Amino acid sequence: MGAIADTDLTGRMMRNALIGVGLEGFFGPILCFCNHGIQKPDAGTFAHALSKRQPPAAGDERILYVGDNVVRDIDGATAFGWDAAHHLTGP
């Protein structure tokens, strides 16, 4: 599992936050806007993420992108050809 974040936090800062809550072991690549300069929904963001992932096991090549913003996350991921799920936040 990886993360793509349009944030001013660096990948190292994001990874440290995940370590702090005990989730770091679940994540591979963590890509942040401030590290690579491309924001969602630009296809370059998703292409960059794809280039950073571990090679999938045989027959396990599906990608599901989960995001909370319809335009940046869902539209961007589906335009790139990925399946996407909209995570609703708030009450």
N, C-alpha and C. Protein backbone atom coordinates (compact mmCIF):
# COMPACT_ATOMS: atom_id res chain seq x y z
N MET A 1 0.86 -1.15 0.00
CA MET A 1 0.00 0.00 0.00
C MET A 1 0.92 1.23 0.00
N GLY A 2 0.50 2.26 -0.70
CA GLY A 2 1.27 3.49 -0.76
C GLY A 2 0.38 4.69 -0.49
N ALA A 3 0.97 5.85 -0.47
CA ALA A 3 0.23 7.09 -0.23
C ALA A 3 0.70 8.17 -1.20
N ILE A 4 -0.26 8.95 -1.68
CA ILE A 4 0.01 10.12 -2.50
C ILE A 4 -0.64 11.30 -1.79
N ALA A 5 0.15 12.31 -1.44
CA ALA A 5 -0.40 13.42 -0.66
C ALA A 5 -0.01 14.76 -1.28
N ASP A 6 -1.00 15.61 -1.47
CA ASP A 6 -0.75 17.00 -1.89
C ASP A 6 -0.56 17.81 -0.61
N THR A 7 0.63 17.75 -0.07
CA THR A 7 0.90 18.37 1.22
C THR A 7 2.28 19.01 1.21
N ASP A 8 2.49 19.93 2.11
CA ASP A 8 3.81 20.52 2.27
C ASP A 8 4.70 19.67 3.18
N LEU A 9 4.12 18.62 3.77
CA LEU A 9 4.94 17.71 4.56
C LEU A 9 5.79 16.88 3.61
N THR A 10 7.02 16.62 3.98
CA THR A 10 7.87 15.78 3.16
C THR A 10 7.49 14.31 3.35
N GLY A 11 7.97 13.47 2.45
CA GLY A 11 7.73 12.04 2.59
C GLY A 11 8.27 11.52 3.91
N ARG A 12 9.42 12.04 4.32
CA ARG A 12 10.00 11.62 5.61
C ARG A 12 9.09 12.02 6.77
N MET A 13 8.53 13.22 6.71
CA MET A 13 7.63 13.66 7.78
C MET A 13 6.37 12.80 7.80
N MET A 14 5.84 12.47 6.63
CA MET A 14 4.66 11.60 6.55
C MET A 14 4.97 10.22 7.12
N ARG A 15 6.13 9.69 6.76
CA ARG A 15 6.51 8.36 7.27
C ARG A 15 6.67 8.41 8.79
N ASN A 16 7.26 9.47 9.32
CA ASN A 16 7.40 9.61 10.78
C ASN A 16 6.03 9.67 11.45
N ALA A 17 5.07 10.34 10.82
CA ALA A 17 3.71 10.39 11.37
C ALA A 17 3.11 8.99 11.41
N LEU A 18 3.33 8.21 10.34
CA LEU A 18 2.82 6.84 10.31
C LEU A 18 3.50 5.97 11.36
N ILE A 19 4.79 6.19 11.58
CA ILE A 19 5.50 5.47 12.64
C ILE A 19 4.87 5.80 13.98
N GLY A 20 4.55 7.08 14.18
CA GLY A 20 3.98 7.53 15.45
C GLY A 20 2.66 6.88 15.81
N VAL A 21 1.90 6.47 14.79
CA VAL A 21 0.60 5.83 15.06
C VAL A 21 0.64 4.33 14.76
N GLY A 22 1.84 3.80 14.54
CA GLY A 22 1.99 2.37 14.37
C GLY A 22 1.56 1.82 13.02
N LEU A 23 1.51 2.65 11.99
CA LEU A 23 1.04 2.19 10.67
C LEU A 23 2.13 2.14 9.61
N GLU A 24 3.34 2.52 9.93
CA GLU A 24 4.39 2.64 8.93
C GLU A 24 4.64 1.33 8.20
N GLY A 25 4.55 0.21 8.88
CA GLY A 25 4.81 -1.09 8.28
C GLY A 25 3.85 -1.48 7.18
N PHE A 26 2.73 -0.79 7.09
CA PHE A 26 1.73 -1.11 6.07
C PHE A 26 1.96 -0.36 4.76
N PHE A 27 2.87 0.61 4.76
CA PHE A 27 3.05 1.48 3.60
C PHE A 27 4.39 1.25 2.93
N GLY A 28 4.35 1.23 1.62
CA GLY A 28 5.55 1.23 0.80
C GLY A 28 5.85 2.67 0.45
N PRO A 29 5.71 3.03 -0.84
CA PRO A 29 6.03 4.39 -1.26
C PRO A 29 5.07 5.43 -0.68
N ILE A 30 5.64 6.55 -0.25
CA ILE A 30 4.86 7.70 0.20
C ILE A 30 5.34 8.88 -0.63
N LEU A 31 4.45 9.39 -1.47
CA LEU A 31 4.79 10.49 -2.38
C LEU A 31 4.09 11.76 -1.95
N CYS A 32 4.84 12.81 -1.77
CA CYS A 32 4.29 14.09 -1.35
C CYS A 32 4.61 15.15 -2.39
N PHE A 33 3.67 16.05 -2.61
CA PHE A 33 3.81 17.12 -3.59
C PHE A 33 5.13 17.85 -3.44
N CYS A 34 5.51 18.17 -2.21
CA CYS A 34 6.72 18.97 -2.01
C CYS A 34 7.98 18.23 -2.42
N ASN A 35 7.92 16.89 -2.52
CA ASN A 35 9.08 16.12 -2.95
C ASN A 35 9.19 15.97 -4.46
N HIS A 36 8.06 15.93 -5.15
CA HIS A 36 8.14 15.70 -6.59
C HIS A 36 7.47 16.78 -7.43
N GLY A 37 6.82 17.75 -6.83
CA GLY A 37 6.34 18.93 -7.53
C GLY A 37 5.13 18.77 -8.44
N ILE A 38 4.47 17.64 -8.40
CA ILE A 38 3.29 17.44 -9.23
C ILE A 38 2.11 17.15 -8.30
N GLN A 39 1.00 17.84 -8.54
CA GLN A 39 -0.17 17.63 -7.70
C GLN A 39 -1.24 16.84 -8.44
N LYS A 40 -2.05 16.12 -7.65
CA LYS A 40 -3.23 15.46 -8.21
C LYS A 40 -4.18 16.55 -8.70
N PRO A 41 -4.91 16.40 -9.75
CA PRO A 41 -5.16 15.20 -10.54
C PRO A 41 -4.22 15.00 -11.71
N ASP A 42 -3.09 15.69 -11.76
CA ASP A 42 -2.14 15.53 -12.87
C ASP A 42 -1.74 14.06 -13.00
N ALA A 43 -1.82 13.54 -14.22
CA ALA A 43 -1.49 12.14 -14.47
C ALA A 43 -0.05 11.82 -14.07
N GLY A 44 0.83 12.81 -14.08
CA GLY A 44 2.21 12.60 -13.69
C GLY A 44 2.34 12.12 -12.25
N THR A 45 1.43 12.55 -11.39
CA THR A 45 1.44 12.10 -9.99
C THR A 45 1.21 10.60 -9.92
N PHE A 46 0.20 10.14 -10.65
CA PHE A 46 -0.14 8.72 -10.60
C PHE A 46 0.92 7.87 -11.30
N ALA A 47 1.49 8.39 -12.40
CA ALA A 47 2.57 7.69 -13.09
C ALA A 47 3.79 7.56 -12.19
N HIS A 48 4.10 8.63 -11.46
CA HIS A 48 5.24 8.60 -10.54
C HIS A 48 5.01 7.57 -9.44
N ALA A 49 3.79 7.53 -8.90
CA ALA A 49 3.46 6.54 -7.87
C ALA A 49 3.61 5.12 -8.41
N LEU A 50 3.14 4.91 -9.62
CA LEU A 50 3.23 3.59 -10.22
C LEU A 50 4.68 3.15 -10.40
N SER A 51 5.55 4.09 -10.73
CA SER A 51 6.96 3.75 -10.92
C SER A 51 7.66 3.41 -9.60
N LYS A 52 7.10 3.82 -8.49
CA LYS A 52 7.73 3.62 -7.18
C LYS A 52 7.25 2.36 -6.46
N ARG A 53 6.18 1.74 -6.96
CA ARG A 53 5.65 0.59 -6.24
C ARG A 53 6.49 -0.65 -6.47
N GLN A 54 6.36 -1.60 -5.56
CA GLN A 54 7.03 -2.88 -5.70
C GLN A 54 6.37 -3.65 -6.84
N PRO A 55 7.13 -4.45 -7.57
CA PRO A 55 6.51 -5.25 -8.63
C PRO A 55 5.42 -6.15 -8.02
N PRO A 56 4.25 -6.17 -8.65
CA PRO A 56 3.17 -6.99 -8.10
C PRO A 56 3.44 -8.48 -8.27
N ALA A 57 2.86 -9.28 -7.40
CA ALA A 57 2.94 -10.72 -7.54
C ALA A 57 2.14 -11.12 -8.78
N ALA A 58 2.47 -12.24 -9.35
CA ALA A 58 1.77 -12.70 -10.55
C ALA A 58 0.27 -12.76 -10.31
N GLY A 59 -0.49 -12.15 -11.20
CA GLY A 59 -1.95 -12.15 -11.08
C GLY A 59 -2.50 -11.13 -10.10
N ASP A 60 -1.64 -10.34 -9.48
CA ASP A 60 -2.08 -9.37 -8.47
C ASP A 60 -1.70 -7.97 -8.92
N GLU A 61 -2.29 -7.53 -10.02
CA GLU A 61 -1.90 -6.25 -10.59
C GLU A 61 -2.97 -5.18 -10.48
N ARG A 62 -3.99 -5.40 -9.69
CA ARG A 62 -5.05 -4.42 -9.55
C ARG A 62 -4.64 -3.29 -8.61
N ILE A 63 -5.12 -2.10 -8.92
CA ILE A 63 -4.86 -0.95 -8.06
C ILE A 63 -6.20 -0.33 -7.69
N LEU A 64 -6.38 -0.06 -6.42
CA LEU A 64 -7.55 0.68 -5.94
C LEU A 64 -7.02 1.93 -5.25
N TYR A 65 -7.40 3.08 -5.76
CA TYR A 65 -7.00 4.35 -5.16
C TYR A 65 -8.16 4.83 -4.30
N VAL A 66 -7.89 5.17 -3.06
CA VAL A 66 -8.91 5.67 -2.14
C VAL A 66 -8.57 7.12 -1.82
N GLY A 67 -9.55 8.01 -2.00
CA GLY A 67 -9.30 9.42 -1.73
C GLY A 67 -10.55 10.12 -1.26
N ASP A 68 -10.37 11.31 -0.70
CA ASP A 68 -11.50 12.05 -0.15
C ASP A 68 -11.94 13.23 -1.01
N ASN A 69 -11.23 13.49 -2.11
CA ASN A 69 -11.59 14.61 -2.97
C ASN A 69 -11.96 14.07 -4.35
N VAL A 70 -13.18 14.36 -4.78
CA VAL A 70 -13.66 13.79 -6.04
C VAL A 70 -12.81 14.22 -7.22
N VAL A 71 -12.50 15.50 -7.33
CA VAL A 71 -11.76 15.99 -8.50
C VAL A 71 -10.31 15.54 -8.46
N ARG A 72 -9.60 15.84 -7.37
CA ARG A 72 -8.17 15.53 -7.32
C ARG A 72 -7.92 14.02 -7.24
N ASP A 73 -8.66 13.34 -6.40
CA ASP A 73 -8.39 11.93 -6.15
C ASP A 73 -9.12 11.00 -7.11
N ILE A 74 -10.43 11.04 -7.08
CA ILE A 74 -11.23 10.08 -7.83
C ILE A 74 -11.12 10.32 -9.33
N ASP A 75 -11.36 11.56 -9.77
CA ASP A 75 -11.26 11.86 -11.20
C ASP A 75 -9.84 11.65 -11.72
N GLY A 76 -8.85 12.05 -10.93
CA GLY A 76 -7.46 11.88 -11.34
C GLY A 76 -7.08 10.42 -11.49
N ALA A 77 -7.45 9.61 -10.51
CA ALA A 77 -7.11 8.18 -10.55
C ALA A 77 -7.83 7.46 -11.68
N THR A 78 -9.12 7.74 -11.85
CA THR A 78 -9.86 7.04 -12.90
C THR A 78 -9.42 7.49 -14.29
N ALA A 79 -9.05 8.76 -14.45
CA ALA A 79 -8.53 9.22 -15.73
C ALA A 79 -7.21 8.52 -16.06
N PHE A 80 -6.48 8.13 -15.04
CA PHE A 80 -5.22 7.42 -15.23
C PHE A 80 -5.45 5.92 -15.47
N GLY A 81 -6.69 5.48 -15.28
CA GLY A 81 -7.02 4.08 -15.52
C GLY A 81 -7.11 3.22 -14.28
N TRP A 82 -7.03 3.83 -13.11
CA TRP A 82 -7.13 3.07 -11.87
C TRP A 82 -8.57 3.03 -11.40
N ASP A 83 -8.92 1.99 -10.65
CA ASP A 83 -10.19 1.98 -9.92
C ASP A 83 -10.04 2.92 -8.74
N ALA A 84 -11.14 3.56 -8.35
CA ALA A 84 -11.06 4.52 -7.25
C ALA A 84 -12.28 4.40 -6.35
N ALA A 85 -12.09 4.67 -5.08
CA ALA A 85 -13.17 4.68 -4.10
C ALA A 85 -13.13 6.01 -3.37
N HIS A 86 -14.30 6.59 -3.20
CA HIS A 86 -14.40 7.89 -2.52
C HIS A 86 -14.62 7.65 -1.03
N HIS A 87 -13.68 8.12 -0.23
CA HIS A 87 -13.79 8.01 1.23
C HIS A 87 -14.45 9.28 1.74
N LEU A 88 -15.62 9.13 2.32
CA LEU A 88 -16.36 10.28 2.85
C LEU A 88 -15.87 10.58 4.25
N THR A 89 -15.60 11.85 4.53
CA THR A 89 -15.15 12.26 5.85
C THR A 89 -16.19 13.18 6.48
N GLY A 90 -16.09 13.37 7.75
CA GLY A 90 -16.99 14.27 8.45
C GLY A 90 -18.22 13.57 8.99
N PRO A 91 -19.07 14.33 9.67
CA PRO A 91 -20.27 13.72 10.29
C PRO A 91 -21.30 13.32 9.27
